[in-house]
């Protein structure tokens, strides 16, 4: 029976890099919108420390980046679960 999984070579090259770049930009844009919306919704209820412009800028900059790191970690875990690599012994025998 032929293995229908795409080879690891499909994960290399400009196509994969371009797809990862586009996905990262899209997620970063959506994360920025979500963090800004949440911050502006809650800033009236928070104390004066959180209203400081420096703190607000740090939250609005670092929030989307931290979310992006968590999302890429989750994507990596899901891809490894759905498409695990074959054991090393099988890979060496098949060459």
N, C-alpha and C. Protein backbone atom coordinates (compact mmCIF):
# COMPACT_ATOMS: atom_id res chain seq x y z
N UNK A 1 0.83 -1.17 0.00
CA UNK A 1 0.00 0.00 0.00
C UNK A 1 0.88 1.24 0.00
N UNK A 2 0.59 2.16 -0.87
CA UNK A 2 1.40 3.36 -1.02
C UNK A 2 1.11 4.35 0.10
N UNK A 3 2.17 4.95 0.60
CA UNK A 3 2.03 5.95 1.66
C UNK A 3 1.50 7.24 1.05
N UNK A 4 0.35 7.72 1.53
CA UNK A 4 -0.29 8.90 0.95
C UNK A 4 0.12 10.19 1.65
N UNK A 5 0.91 10.10 2.69
CA UNK A 5 1.34 11.31 3.38
C UNK A 5 2.34 12.06 2.50
N UNK A 6 2.27 13.40 2.51
CA UNK A 6 3.25 14.15 1.72
C UNK A 6 4.64 13.97 2.30
N UNK A 7 5.61 14.01 1.42
CA UNK A 7 6.98 13.82 1.89
C UNK A 7 7.44 15.05 2.68
N UNK A 8 8.53 14.86 3.38
CA UNK A 8 9.06 15.96 4.17
C UNK A 8 9.63 17.06 3.28
N UNK A 9 9.86 16.75 2.01
CA UNK A 9 10.38 17.78 1.11
C UNK A 9 9.35 18.87 0.86
N UNK A 10 8.06 18.56 1.04
CA UNK A 10 7.04 19.59 0.87
C UNK A 10 7.10 20.63 1.98
N UNK A 11 7.70 20.29 3.10
CA UNK A 11 7.82 21.23 4.20
C UNK A 11 9.04 22.14 4.03
N UNK A 12 9.78 21.97 2.97
CA UNK A 12 10.95 22.80 2.72
C UNK A 12 10.67 23.71 1.53
N UNK A 13 11.44 24.75 1.41
CA UNK A 13 11.35 25.58 0.23
C UNK A 13 10.56 26.84 0.40
N UNK A 14 10.45 27.56 -0.71
CA UNK A 14 9.81 28.89 -0.70
C UNK A 14 8.31 28.81 -0.46
N UNK A 15 7.65 27.78 -0.95
CA UNK A 15 6.21 27.67 -0.77
C UNK A 15 5.84 27.53 0.70
N UNK A 16 6.55 26.68 1.40
CA UNK A 16 6.30 26.50 2.83
C UNK A 16 6.63 27.77 3.59
N UNK A 17 7.73 28.41 3.24
CA UNK A 17 8.14 29.65 3.90
C UNK A 17 7.11 30.75 3.66
N UNK A 18 6.63 30.87 2.44
CA UNK A 18 5.64 31.89 2.12
C UNK A 18 4.32 31.62 2.85
N UNK A 19 3.90 30.36 2.91
CA UNK A 19 2.68 30.02 3.65
C UNK A 19 2.80 30.31 5.13
N UNK A 20 3.95 29.97 5.71
CA UNK A 20 4.16 30.25 7.13
C UNK A 20 4.20 31.75 7.40
N UNK A 21 4.80 32.50 6.49
CA UNK A 21 4.85 33.95 6.63
C UNK A 21 3.47 34.57 6.55
N UNK A 22 2.67 34.14 5.59
CA UNK A 22 1.31 34.66 5.46
C UNK A 22 0.45 34.30 6.66
N UNK A 23 0.56 33.07 7.13
CA UNK A 23 -0.20 32.65 8.30
C UNK A 23 0.22 33.45 9.53
N UNK A 24 1.52 33.65 9.70
CA UNK A 24 2.01 34.44 10.83
C UNK A 24 1.53 35.88 10.79
N UNK A 25 1.54 36.49 9.61
CA UNK A 25 1.04 37.87 9.48
C UNK A 25 -0.45 37.95 9.78
N UNK A 26 -1.20 36.99 9.27
CA UNK A 26 -2.65 36.98 9.52
C UNK A 26 -2.94 36.81 11.00
N UNK A 27 -2.27 35.85 11.65
CA UNK A 27 -2.48 35.63 13.08
C UNK A 27 -2.05 36.85 13.90
N UNK A 28 -0.94 37.48 13.52
CA UNK A 28 -0.47 38.65 14.25
C UNK A 28 -1.45 39.81 14.11
N UNK A 29 -2.04 39.97 12.94
CA UNK A 29 -3.02 41.03 12.73
C UNK A 29 -4.28 40.77 13.57
N UNK A 30 -4.77 39.53 13.54
CA UNK A 30 -5.96 39.19 14.33
C UNK A 30 -5.68 39.29 15.83
N UNK A 31 -4.49 38.89 16.25
CA UNK A 31 -4.12 39.00 17.66
C UNK A 31 -4.05 40.46 18.09
N UNK A 32 -3.53 41.33 17.22
CA UNK A 32 -3.46 42.75 17.54
C UNK A 32 -4.84 43.36 17.72
N UNK A 33 -5.75 42.97 16.84
CA UNK A 33 -7.13 43.46 16.96
C UNK A 33 -7.77 42.96 18.25
N UNK A 34 -7.56 41.69 18.57
CA UNK A 34 -8.16 41.11 19.77
C UNK A 34 -7.58 41.74 21.04
N UNK A 35 -6.27 41.91 21.11
CA UNK A 35 -5.64 42.49 22.31
C UNK A 35 -6.05 43.96 22.46
N UNK A 36 -6.09 44.70 21.37
CA UNK A 36 -6.50 46.11 21.45
C UNK A 36 -7.95 46.22 21.90
N UNK A 37 -8.81 45.37 21.38
CA UNK A 37 -10.22 45.41 21.78
C UNK A 37 -10.39 45.07 23.26
N UNK A 38 -9.70 44.03 23.71
CA UNK A 38 -9.79 43.65 25.12
C UNK A 38 -9.21 44.73 26.03
N UNK A 39 -8.09 45.32 25.63
CA UNK A 39 -7.48 46.35 26.47
C UNK A 39 -8.40 47.56 26.59
N UNK A 40 -8.93 48.03 25.47
CA UNK A 40 -9.78 49.22 25.51
C UNK A 40 -11.12 48.94 26.19
N UNK A 41 -11.57 47.70 26.18
CA UNK A 41 -12.80 47.37 26.89
C UNK A 41 -12.58 47.34 28.41
N UNK A 42 -11.40 46.94 28.84
CA UNK A 42 -11.13 46.79 30.27
C UNK A 42 -10.40 47.97 30.90
N UNK A 43 -9.86 48.89 30.11
CA UNK A 43 -9.03 49.96 30.68
C UNK A 43 -9.82 50.87 31.61
N UNK A 44 -11.10 51.04 31.39
CA UNK A 44 -11.92 51.88 32.27
C UNK A 44 -12.13 51.26 33.63
N UNK A 45 -12.05 49.96 33.71
CA UNK A 45 -12.28 49.26 34.99
C UNK A 45 -11.00 49.03 35.78
N UNK A 46 -9.86 49.28 35.18
CA UNK A 46 -8.58 49.02 35.83
C UNK A 46 -8.08 50.26 36.55
N UNK A 47 -7.09 50.05 37.43
CA UNK A 47 -6.56 51.19 38.17
C UNK A 47 -5.60 52.01 37.29
N UNK A 48 -5.05 53.07 37.85
CA UNK A 48 -4.25 54.03 37.08
C UNK A 48 -2.94 53.45 36.55
N UNK A 49 -2.43 52.42 37.19
CA UNK A 49 -1.17 51.81 36.72
C UNK A 49 -1.35 51.27 35.30
N UNK A 50 -2.47 50.66 35.04
CA UNK A 50 -2.72 50.07 33.72
C UNK A 50 -3.04 51.12 32.67
N UNK A 51 -3.39 52.32 33.09
CA UNK A 51 -3.70 53.40 32.14
C UNK A 51 -2.46 54.18 31.73
N UNK A 52 -1.36 53.92 32.37
CA UNK A 52 -0.10 54.57 32.02
C UNK A 52 0.21 54.27 30.54
N UNK A 53 0.58 55.28 29.75
CA UNK A 53 0.84 55.03 28.33
C UNK A 53 1.95 54.02 28.06
N UNK A 54 2.95 53.96 28.94
CA UNK A 54 4.02 52.98 28.75
C UNK A 54 3.51 51.55 28.94
N UNK A 55 2.69 51.37 29.94
CA UNK A 55 2.12 50.04 30.20
C UNK A 55 1.17 49.66 29.07
N UNK A 56 0.37 50.60 28.63
CA UNK A 56 -0.56 50.33 27.54
C UNK A 56 0.19 49.94 26.27
N UNK A 57 1.27 50.67 25.97
CA UNK A 57 2.06 50.35 24.78
C UNK A 57 2.71 48.97 24.90
N UNK A 58 3.20 48.64 26.07
CA UNK A 58 3.81 47.32 26.26
C UNK A 58 2.78 46.21 26.08
N UNK A 59 1.59 46.40 26.62
CA UNK A 59 0.53 45.39 26.48
C UNK A 59 0.11 45.25 25.03
N UNK A 60 -0.08 46.38 24.36
CA UNK A 60 -0.54 46.35 22.97
C UNK A 60 0.53 45.82 22.01
N UNK A 61 1.79 45.89 22.39
CA UNK A 61 2.85 45.34 21.55
C UNK A 61 3.15 43.88 21.89
N UNK A 62 3.31 43.59 23.17
CA UNK A 62 3.73 42.24 23.57
C UNK A 62 2.58 41.23 23.57
N UNK A 63 1.35 41.68 23.79
CA UNK A 63 0.21 40.77 23.82
C UNK A 63 0.06 39.96 22.54
N UNK A 64 0.02 40.61 21.36
CA UNK A 64 -0.11 39.84 20.12
C UNK A 64 1.08 38.93 19.85
N UNK A 65 2.28 39.36 20.22
CA UNK A 65 3.46 38.54 19.99
C UNK A 65 3.43 37.28 20.86
N UNK A 66 3.05 37.44 22.12
CA UNK A 66 2.95 36.27 23.02
C UNK A 66 1.86 35.32 22.52
N UNK A 67 0.73 35.87 22.10
CA UNK A 67 -0.33 35.03 21.55
C UNK A 67 0.15 34.29 20.30
N UNK A 68 0.93 34.97 19.46
CA UNK A 68 1.45 34.33 18.25
C UNK A 68 2.38 33.17 18.61
N UNK A 69 3.23 33.34 19.60
CA UNK A 69 4.12 32.25 20.03
C UNK A 69 3.31 31.05 20.54
N UNK A 70 2.29 31.32 21.31
CA UNK A 70 1.43 30.24 21.82
C UNK A 70 0.71 29.54 20.67
N UNK A 71 0.24 30.32 19.70
CA UNK A 71 -0.46 29.73 18.56
C UNK A 71 0.47 28.88 17.71
N UNK A 72 1.70 29.34 17.47
CA UNK A 72 2.65 28.53 16.69
C UNK A 72 3.01 27.25 17.44
N UNK A 73 3.15 27.34 18.76
CA UNK A 73 3.43 26.13 19.54
C UNK A 73 2.27 25.15 19.40
N UNK A 74 1.03 25.65 19.49
CA UNK A 74 -0.14 24.78 19.36
C UNK A 74 -0.21 24.16 17.97
N UNK A 75 0.07 24.94 16.94
CA UNK A 75 0.07 24.42 15.57
C UNK A 75 1.13 23.33 15.43
N UNK A 76 2.31 23.55 16.00
CA UNK A 76 3.38 22.56 15.92
C UNK A 76 2.99 21.26 16.61
N UNK A 77 2.36 21.36 17.77
CA UNK A 77 1.92 20.16 18.49
C UNK A 77 0.85 19.41 17.70
N UNK A 78 -0.08 20.15 17.12
CA UNK A 78 -1.16 19.51 16.34
C UNK A 78 -0.61 18.83 15.10
N UNK A 79 0.31 19.48 14.39
CA UNK A 79 0.91 18.88 13.19
C UNK A 79 1.69 17.62 13.56
N UNK A 80 2.44 17.66 14.66
CA UNK A 80 3.18 16.48 15.09
C UNK A 80 2.25 15.34 15.49
N UNK A 81 1.10 15.68 16.05
CA UNK A 81 0.14 14.65 16.44
C UNK A 81 -0.56 14.04 15.22
N UNK A 82 -0.92 14.88 14.27
CA UNK A 82 -1.64 14.40 13.09
C UNK A 82 -0.71 13.68 12.12
N UNK A 83 0.51 14.19 11.95
CA UNK A 83 1.46 13.64 11.00
C UNK A 83 2.79 13.31 11.68
N UNK A 84 2.85 12.28 12.49
CA UNK A 84 4.11 11.98 13.18
C UNK A 84 5.16 11.47 12.20
N UNK A 85 6.40 11.73 12.52
CA UNK A 85 7.49 11.21 11.71
C UNK A 85 7.63 9.71 11.97
N UNK A 86 8.01 8.94 10.95
CA UNK A 86 8.23 7.52 11.19
C UNK A 86 9.45 7.32 12.09
N UNK A 87 9.50 6.19 12.77
CA UNK A 87 10.67 5.92 13.62
C UNK A 87 11.96 5.93 12.80
N UNK A 88 13.05 6.25 13.45
CA UNK A 88 14.34 6.40 12.77
C UNK A 88 14.75 5.13 12.03
N UNK A 89 14.51 3.97 12.60
CA UNK A 89 14.91 2.71 11.96
C UNK A 89 14.19 2.52 10.62
N UNK A 90 12.91 2.85 10.57
CA UNK A 90 12.17 2.71 9.32
C UNK A 90 12.68 3.68 8.26
N UNK A 91 13.00 4.88 8.68
CA UNK A 91 13.50 5.87 7.71
C UNK A 91 14.82 5.43 7.13
N UNK A 92 15.72 4.84 7.93
CA UNK A 92 17.03 4.43 7.43
C UNK A 92 16.92 3.21 6.51
N UNK A 93 16.01 2.30 6.81
CA UNK A 93 15.83 1.12 5.96
C UNK A 93 15.25 1.47 4.60
N UNK A 94 14.41 2.49 4.54
CA UNK A 94 13.73 2.82 3.31
C UNK A 94 14.63 3.56 2.32
N UNK A 95 15.80 4.00 2.75
CA UNK A 95 16.70 4.73 1.84
C UNK A 95 17.47 3.81 0.94
